[in-house]
Amino acid sequence: MKYVVDHHKKHVHEQRYSLDNCGVDRIPSDAVEFTDSQDYIKDLENTHSYVKCPYCHEVPLLID
């Protein structure tokens, strides 16, 4: 998995599910970081109050 970290808003986006609602394309270049490390993401969430983006981390469940 690849993550996009928005250090300005303290949001973590999942790159493959990011949508227009996420605003990934509007993150200032000096505040964006790309990473594959789940440990790094967990550290940001646990020690620096980063949160997962509700738009790209809550993938809708489709039921037939």
PDB file of N, CA and C in Angstrom:
ATOM      1  N   MET A   1       0.835  -1.179   0.000  1.00  0.00           N
ATOM      2  CA  MET A   1       0.000   0.000   0.000  1.00  0.00           C
ATOM      3  C   MET A   1       0.879   1.241   0.000  1.00  0.00           C
ATOM      4  N   LYS A   2       0.411   2.221  -0.665  1.00  0.00           N
ATOM      5  CA  LYS A   2       1.115   3.504  -0.658  1.00  0.00           C
ATOM      6  C   LYS A   2       0.223   4.533   0.009  1.00  0.00           C
ATOM      7  N   TYR A   3       0.849   5.349   0.818  1.00  0.00           N
ATOM      8  CA  TYR A   3       0.123   6.370   1.555  1.00  0.00           C
ATOM      9  C   TYR A   3       0.594   7.754   1.147  1.00  0.00           C
ATOM     10  N   VAL A   4      -0.337   8.699   1.187  1.00  0.00           N
ATOM     11  CA  VAL A   4      -0.025  10.104   0.982  1.00  0.00           C
ATOM     12  C   VAL A   4      -0.287  10.787   2.320  1.00  0.00           C
ATOM     13  N   VAL A   5       0.743  11.402   2.868  1.00  0.00           N
ATOM     14  CA  VAL A   5       0.630  12.062   4.162  1.00  0.00           C
ATOM     15  C   VAL A   5       0.531  13.566   3.937  1.00  0.00           C
ATOM     16  N   ASP A   6      -0.525  14.152   4.471  1.00  0.00           N
ATOM     17  CA  ASP A   6      -0.723  15.601   4.423  1.00  0.00           C
ATOM     18  C   ASP A   6      -0.306  16.156   5.780  1.00  0.00           C
ATOM     19  N   HIS A   7       0.900  16.720   5.846  1.00  0.00           N
ATOM     20  CA  HIS A   7       1.408  17.237   7.114  1.00  0.00           C
ATOM     21  C   HIS A   7       0.740  18.559   7.500  1.00  0.00           C
ATOM     22  N   HIS A   8       0.090  19.212   6.542  1.00  0.00           N
ATOM     23  CA  HIS A   8      -0.608  20.475   6.834  1.00  0.00           C
ATOM     24  C   HIS A   8      -1.886  20.210   7.639  1.00  0.00           C
ATOM     25  N   LYS A   9      -2.696  19.248   7.180  1.00  0.00           N
ATOM     26  CA  LYS A   9      -3.962  18.931   7.852  1.00  0.00           C
ATOM     27  C   LYS A   9      -3.866  17.721   8.773  1.00  0.00           C
ATOM     28  N   LYS A  10      -2.715  17.056   8.768  1.00  0.00           N
ATOM     29  CA  LYS A  10      -2.487  15.844   9.558  1.00  0.00           C
ATOM     30  C   LYS A  10      -3.451  14.728   9.156  1.00  0.00           C
ATOM     31  N   HIS A  11      -3.565  14.522   7.851  1.00  0.00           N
ATOM     32  CA  HIS A  11      -4.390  13.451   7.299  1.00  0.00           C
ATOM     33  C   HIS A  11      -3.502  12.444   6.585  1.00  0.00           C
ATOM     34  N   VAL A  12      -3.918  11.181   6.644  1.00  0.00           N
ATOM     35  CA  VAL A  12      -3.238  10.111   5.923  1.00  0.00           C
ATOM     36  C   VAL A  12      -4.215   9.575   4.888  1.00  0.00           C
ATOM     37  N   HIS A  13      -3.794   9.586   3.632  1.00  0.00           N
ATOM     38  CA  HIS A  13      -4.628   9.111   2.528  1.00  0.00           C
ATOM     39  C   HIS A  13      -4.059   7.813   1.980  1.00  0.00           C
ATOM     40  N   GLU A  14      -4.933   6.940   1.539  1.00  0.00           N
ATOM     41  CA  GLU A  14      -4.499   5.726   0.861  1.00  0.00           C
ATOM     42  C   GLU A  14      -4.536   6.029  -0.631  1.00  0.00           C
ATOM     43  N   GLN A  15      -3.381   6.028  -1.248  1.00  0.00           N
ATOM     44  CA  GLN A  15      -3.235   6.545  -2.603  1.00  0.00           C
ATOM     45  C   GLN A  15      -4.159   5.873  -3.611  1.00  0.00           C
ATOM     46  N   ARG A  16      -4.299   4.577  -3.549  1.00  0.00           N
ATOM     47  CA  ARG A  16      -5.093   3.902  -4.589  1.00  0.00           C
ATOM     48  C   ARG A  16      -6.590   4.140  -4.450  1.00  0.00           C
ATOM     49  N   TYR A  17      -7.059   4.607  -3.293  1.00  0.00           N
ATOM     50  CA  TYR A  17      -8.479   4.881  -3.103  1.00  0.00           C
ATOM     51  C   TYR A  17      -8.795   6.366  -2.990  1.00  0.00           C
ATOM     52  N   SER A  18      -7.787   7.213  -3.146  1.00  0.00           N
ATOM     53  CA  SER A  18      -8.035   8.645  -2.966  1.00  0.00           C
ATOM     54  C   SER A  18      -8.982   9.175  -4.038  1.00  0.00           C
ATOM     55  N   LEU A  19      -9.863  10.053  -3.621  1.00  0.00           N
ATOM     56  CA  LEU A  19     -10.900  10.618  -4.481  1.00  0.00           C
ATOM     57  C   LEU A  19     -10.754  12.130  -4.533  1.00  0.00           C
ATOM     58  N   ASP A  20     -11.572  12.766  -5.350  1.00  0.00           N
ATOM     59  CA  ASP A  20     -11.576  14.227  -5.404  1.00  0.00           C
ATOM     60  C   ASP A  20     -11.902  14.830  -4.038  1.00  0.00           C
ATOM     61  N   ASN A  21     -12.779  14.155  -3.287  1.00  0.00           N
ATOM     62  CA  ASN A  21     -13.160  14.652  -1.960  1.00  0.00           C
ATOM     63  C   ASN A  21     -11.978  14.717  -0.997  1.00  0.00           C
ATOM     64  N   CYS A  22     -10.977  13.895  -1.222  1.00  0.00           N
ATOM     65  CA  CYS A  22      -9.810  13.847  -0.329  1.00  0.00           C
ATOM     66  C   CYS A  22      -8.972  15.118  -0.422  1.00  0.00           C
ATOM     67  N   GLY A  23      -8.910  15.709  -1.592  1.00  0.00           N
ATOM     68  CA  GLY A  23      -8.114  16.913  -1.777  1.00  0.00           C
ATOM     69  C   GLY A  23      -6.625  16.662  -1.878  1.00  0.00           C
ATOM     70  N   VAL A  24      -6.232  15.442  -2.224  1.00  0.00           N
ATOM     71  CA  VAL A  24      -4.811  15.106  -2.331  1.00  0.00           C
ATOM     72  C   VAL A  24      -4.105  16.015  -3.333  1.00  0.00           C
ATOM     73  N   ASP A  25      -4.791  16.365  -4.397  1.00  0.00           N
ATOM     74  CA  ASP A  25      -4.180  17.221  -5.428  1.00  0.00           C
ATOM     75  C   ASP A  25      -4.008  18.669  -4.961  1.00  0.00           C
ATOM     76  N   ARG A  26      -4.619  19.030  -3.830  1.00  0.00           N
ATOM     77  CA  ARG A  26      -4.511  20.398  -3.307  1.00  0.00           C
ATOM     78  C   ARG A  26      -3.574  20.524  -2.104  1.00  0.00           C
ATOM     79  N   ILE A  27      -2.883  19.434  -1.758  1.00  0.00           N
ATOM     80  CA  ILE A  27      -1.929  19.491  -0.643  1.00  0.00           C
ATOM     81  C   ILE A  27      -0.713  20.290  -1.099  1.00  0.00           C
ATOM     82  N   PRO A  28      -0.289  21.290  -0.329  1.00  0.00           N
ATOM     83  CA  PRO A  28       0.904  22.058  -0.708  1.00  0.00           C
ATOM     84  C   PRO A  28       2.124  21.139  -0.824  1.00  0.00           C
ATOM     85  N   SER A  29       2.969  21.411  -1.804  1.00  0.00           N
ATOM     86  CA  SER A  29       4.117  20.537  -2.070  1.00  0.00           C
ATOM     87  C   SER A  29       5.067  20.431  -0.880  1.00  0.00           C
ATOM     88  N   ASP A  30       5.115  21.450  -0.048  1.00  0.00           N
ATOM     89  CA  ASP A  30       6.005  21.386   1.113  1.00  0.00           C
ATOM     90  C   ASP A  30       5.373  20.644   2.292  1.00  0.00           C
ATOM     91  N   ALA A  31       4.122  20.177   2.130  1.00  0.00           N
ATOM     92  CA  ALA A  31       3.426  19.489   3.212  1.00  0.00           C
ATOM     93  C   ALA A  31       3.021  18.069   2.847  1.00  0.00           C
ATOM     94  N   VAL A  32       3.441  17.582   1.676  1.00  0.00           N
ATOM     95  CA  VAL A  32       3.043  16.251   1.231  1.00  0.00           C
ATOM     96  C   VAL A  32       4.226  15.292   1.329  1.00  0.00           C
ATOM     97  N   GLU A  33       3.903  14.046   1.679  1.00  0.00           N
ATOM     98  CA  GLU A  33       4.924  13.005   1.765  1.00  0.00           C
ATOM     99  C   GLU A  33       4.299  11.696   1.298  1.00  0.00           C
ATOM    100  N   PHE A  34       5.065  10.897   0.583  1.00  0.00           N
ATOM    101  CA  PHE A  34       4.616   9.596   0.108  1.00  0.00           C
ATOM    102  C   PHE A  34       5.405   8.519   0.843  1.00  0.00           C
ATOM    103  N   THR A  35       4.708   7.470   1.289  1.00  0.00           N
ATOM    104  CA  THR A  35       5.393   6.403   2.018  1.00  0.00           C
ATOM    105  C   THR A  35       4.678   5.073   1.819  1.00  0.00           C
ATOM    106  N   ASP A  36       5.428   3.995   1.993  1.00  0.00           N
ATOM    107  CA  ASP A  36       4.872   2.642   1.977  1.00  0.00           C
ATOM    108  C   ASP A  36       4.842   2.033   3.375  1.00  0.00           C
ATOM    109  N   SER A  37       5.374   2.732   4.346  1.00  0.00           N
ATOM    110  CA  SER A  37       5.585   2.184   5.683  1.00  0.00           C
ATOM    111  C   SER A  37       4.344   2.283   6.571  1.00  0.00           C
ATOM    112  N   GLN A  38       3.758   1.135   6.871  1.00  0.00           N
ATOM    113  CA  GLN A  38       2.616   1.114   7.786  1.00  0.00           C
ATOM    114  C   GLN A  38       3.055   1.475   9.201  1.00  0.00           C
ATOM    115  N   ASP A  39       4.266   1.100   9.572  1.00  0.00           N
ATOM    116  CA  ASP A  39       4.771   1.444  10.905  1.00  0.00           C
ATOM    117  C   ASP A  39       4.882   2.956  11.072  1.00  0.00           C
ATOM    118  N   TYR A  40       5.342   3.630  10.035  1.00  0.00           N
ATOM    119  CA  TYR A  40       5.452   5.090  10.075  1.00  0.00           C
ATOM    120  C   TYR A  40       4.069   5.728  10.218  1.00  0.00           C
ATOM    121  N   ILE A  41       3.097   5.203   9.478  1.00  0.00           N
ATOM    122  CA  ILE A  41       1.725   5.722   9.543  1.00  0.00           C
ATOM    123  C   ILE A  41       1.153   5.513  10.944  1.00  0.00           C
ATOM    124  N   LYS A  42       1.356   4.336  11.514  1.00  0.00           N
ATOM    125  CA  LYS A  42       0.867   4.067  12.873  1.00  0.00           C
ATOM    126  C   LYS A  42       1.515   5.006  13.881  1.00  0.00           C
ATOM    127  N   ASP A  43       2.805   5.282  13.695  1.00  0.00           N
ATOM    128  CA  ASP A  43       3.500   6.211  14.584  1.00  0.00           C
ATOM    129  C   ASP A  43       2.903   7.617  14.480  1.00  0.00           C
ATOM    130  N   LEU A  44       2.619   8.063  13.264  1.00  0.00           N
ATOM    131  CA  LEU A  44       2.005   9.382  13.082  1.00  0.00           C
ATOM    132  C   LEU A  44       0.648   9.450  13.776  1.00  0.00           C
ATOM    133  N   GLU A  45      -0.130   8.380  13.643  1.00  0.00           N
ATOM    134  CA  GLU A  45      -1.461   8.348  14.262  1.00  0.00           C
ATOM    135  C   GLU A  45      -1.373   8.306  15.789  1.00  0.00           C
ATOM    136  N   ASN A  46      -0.469   7.508  16.311  1.00  0.00           N
ATOM    137  CA  ASN A  46      -0.397   7.294  17.761  1.00  0.00           C
ATOM    138  C   ASN A  46       0.327   8.403  18.513  1.00  0.00           C
ATOM    139  N   THR A  47       1.328   9.008  17.904  1.00  0.00           N
ATOM    140  CA  THR A  47       2.126   9.981  18.650  1.00  0.00           C
ATOM    141  C   THR A  47       1.983  11.418  18.166  1.00  0.00           C
ATOM    142  N   HIS A  48       1.419  11.613  16.968  1.00  0.00           N
ATOM    143  CA  HIS A  48       1.330  12.968  16.423  1.00  0.00           C
ATOM    144  C   HIS A  48      -0.094  13.369  16.039  1.00  0.00           C
ATOM    145  N   SER A  49      -1.081  12.568  16.415  1.00  0.00           N
ATOM    146  CA  SER A  49      -2.509  12.877  16.209  1.00  0.00           C
ATOM    147  C   SER A  49      -2.926  12.992  14.746  1.00  0.00           C
ATOM    148  N   TYR A  50      -2.281  12.241  13.861  1.00  0.00           N
ATOM    149  CA  TYR A  50      -2.727  12.189  12.472  1.00  0.00           C
ATOM    150  C   TYR A  50      -3.938  11.271  12.399  1.00  0.00           C
ATOM    151  N   VAL A  51      -4.825  11.532  11.433  1.00  0.00           N
ATOM    152  CA  VAL A  51      -6.023  10.711  11.262  1.00  0.00           C
ATOM    153  C   VAL A  51      -6.104  10.217   9.822  1.00  0.00           C
ATOM    154  N   LYS A  52      -6.768   9.089   9.652  1.00  0.00           N
ATOM    155  CA  LYS A  52      -6.988   8.552   8.311  1.00  0.00           C
ATOM    156  C   LYS A  52      -8.118   9.323   7.650  1.00  0.00           C
ATOM    157  N   CYS A  53      -7.945   9.602   6.388  1.00  0.00           N
ATOM    158  CA  CYS A  53      -8.971  10.299   5.619  1.00  0.00           C
ATOM    159  C   CYS A  53     -10.229   9.427   5.548  1.00  0.00           C
ATOM    160  N   PRO A  54     -11.390   9.971   5.891  1.00  0.00           N
ATOM    161  CA  PRO A  54     -12.611   9.166   5.859  1.00  0.00           C
ATOM    162  C   PRO A  54     -13.062   8.807   4.445  1.00  0.00           C
ATOM    163  N   TYR A  55     -12.617   9.546   3.440  1.00  0.00           N
ATOM    164  CA  TYR A  55     -13.045   9.287   2.071  1.00  0.00           C
ATOM    165  C   TYR A  55     -12.305   8.117   1.436  1.00  0.00           C
ATOM    166  N   CYS A  56     -11.016   7.972   1.706  1.00  0.00           N
ATOM    167  CA  CYS A  56     -10.261   6.922   1.016  1.00  0.00           C
ATOM    168  C   CYS A  56      -9.907   5.737   1.908  1.00  0.00           C
ATOM    169  N   HIS A  57     -10.189   5.813   3.200  1.00  0.00           N
ATOM    170  CA  HIS A  57      -9.943   4.665   4.067  1.00  0.00           C
ATOM    171  C   HIS A  57     -11.225   3.912   4.375  1.00  0.00           C
ATOM    172  N   GLU A  58     -12.348   4.502   4.109  1.00  0.00           N
ATOM    173  CA  GLU A  58     -13.632   3.839   4.313  1.00  0.00           C
ATOM    174  C   GLU A  58     -14.173   3.428   2.954  1.00  0.00           C
ATOM    175  N   VAL A  59     -13.656   2.324   2.435  1.00  0.00           N
ATOM    176  CA  VAL A  59     -14.092   1.834   1.129  1.00  0.00           C
ATOM    177  C   VAL A  59     -15.478   1.227   1.296  1.00  0.00           C
ATOM    178  N   PRO A  60     -16.443   1.670   0.481  1.00  0.00           N
ATOM    179  CA  PRO A  60     -17.808   1.163   0.646  1.00  0.00           C
ATOM    180  C   PRO A  60     -17.913  -0.333   0.350  1.00  0.00           C
ATOM    181  N   LEU A  61     -18.703  -1.009   1.128  1.00  0.00           N
ATOM    182  CA  LEU A  61     -18.950  -2.426   0.946  1.00  0.00           C
ATOM    183  C   LEU A  61     -20.140  -2.585   0.000  1.00  0.00           C
ATOM    184  N   LEU A  62     -19.927  -3.313  -1.077  1.00  0.00           N
ATOM    185  CA  LEU A  62     -20.999  -3.540  -2.050  1.00  0.00           C
ATOM    186  C   LEU A  62     -21.627  -4.900  -1.784  1.00  0.00           C
ATOM    187  N   ILE A  63     -22.943  -4.913  -1.630  1.00  0.00           N
ATOM    188  CA  ILE A  63     -23.668  -6.150  -1.365  1.00  0.00           C
ATOM    189  C   ILE A  63     -24.682  -6.351  -2.477  1.00  0.00           C
ATOM    190  N   ASP A  64     -24.669  -7.546  -3.044  1.00  0.00           N
ATOM    191  CA  ASP A  64     -25.658  -7.877  -4.085  1.00  0.00           C
ATOM    192  C   ASP A  64     -26.944  -8.320  -3.462  1.00  0.00           C
TER     193      ASP A  64
END
